[in-house]
Amino acid sequence: MSTLLEIRENLRDFYTKFEIYLTPLFKFLLALLTFVLLNSSLGYMTRLNNIIIMLILALMCSFLPVNFILLIDALMAVLHFYAVSLETAIVGGAVFLLLFLLYFRFSPKEAIAVALLPVFFGLKIPYLIPLALGLVGSITSVVSAACGVVVYYLLIYVKENAAAISAMEGSENALARFRFLIDGMINNKTMYVLIMAFAATVVVVYLLRRLPVDYCWTIAIVIGSVVCIVAILMGDLSFETNISIMATVIGTLVSALLCKVLEFFVFNVDYSRTEYVQFEDDEYYYYVRAVPKNSVGKSKKTVKKITSVL
C-alpha cells in the first residue's frame, strides 16, 4: 500500500508541476477522441472526416473551456445530420439546444462526463459515469448523465435509420421525416430505462457517500452498482427493451472496480485513525469526527560520495 501511495503522490506532484502543459494536452486528446469517434460513427459529411480539420479543432479546444468540446461535437453532429436530410439536422439541433439549456442550467462543470458517456457506451461500461458522478459530483449530476444518454441514442438512431430517412425523398415527405425522427426518439424505451437507472444510481451513490460512516465510498459504490443493475432489470422486464442483463452485470462490475481506482486517488482515508473531537463556544457545542487521509512520506534519495585516498 505504501508503494501505491507513493506512486499517487508522485503523480500528483508531477501533474502540479506541469499542469500548464498537461491540462491543454488532456483537453486536446479528449476533443480529438470524440471527433474521431463521431466521424467514424456517422461520417455522412465526408469533409469533416479530414484529419487536419479534426486536429485544428482539437487544438482550438485545448486552449478553451472543456464545454467548448461539447459545442463542437454538437455542431459536427448536426452537419452530419444535414448530410442525411435537412429535417434530421433540425430535429437534432433542437434536441442539442434543449440539452444545452438543461446542462448549463444545472451542471455546467461536468462536460467531461457528458462527452465520455457515448464513448463508454461503445466500451460497454457506460455505468461508470453515473457511479463516478455520484462520487465526485452533486445531486444535479443526474442532468449530465441524462444528457449523455440522450446524445448517445440520438446518434445511434440516426445511424441505424439514415438509409430509411434518405429514402423519403421529396418535399411532400418532409412531414413524414419529421414524424419518423420524433417518434423514434420519443418511443425509445431503452433510452428511458437507462435514464431512470442512471438517475437512481447517481442519487443513491451521492447520498451514501456523504454518510458519516466508515467506508462510505465503498458502500456507495457497491449499493449503487446493485441499484443500477436492479433498475435496468426492472425496466427491461416492464418495457421489454431486450437489454442484455449479463452484459449489464459485467459492465457494472468493471465500472465498480474503476470507481475503486477513482476512490484511491480522490478519497483515500485511514479509518483506523479516526478521531472524535468535542468543543464549545458561547452558543454551541461541537462534535467533530476527523478521519485522516492516507499519506506517505516521499522517499529521499541520498547520494554518497566516494573519494579515493591516494
Foldseek 3Di string as FASTA:
>chain_A
DQVVQQVLVVVVVVCVVCVVPVQLVVQLVLLLVLQQVLCVLQVLPVVSNDVVNSNVQSNVRSPDDSVVSVVVSLVVNLVSLVSLPPLSSVVSVVLSVVLVVLCVVQPVPPSSLLSCLLVVVVVLQSLLSLLVCLQPHALSCLSSSLNSLLVNVSSVVCSVCSVVLSVQDDPVCSVVSNCVSVCVSVVLLLSVLQSVLSSVLSVQLNVQCPDPDPPSNLVSLVVSLVSSLVSSVVSCVVVVNPDDSVSSNVSSVVSSVVVVVVCVNPPAWDQVPWDWDWDDDPPDIDIDIDIGHDHDDHDDDDDDDDDDDD
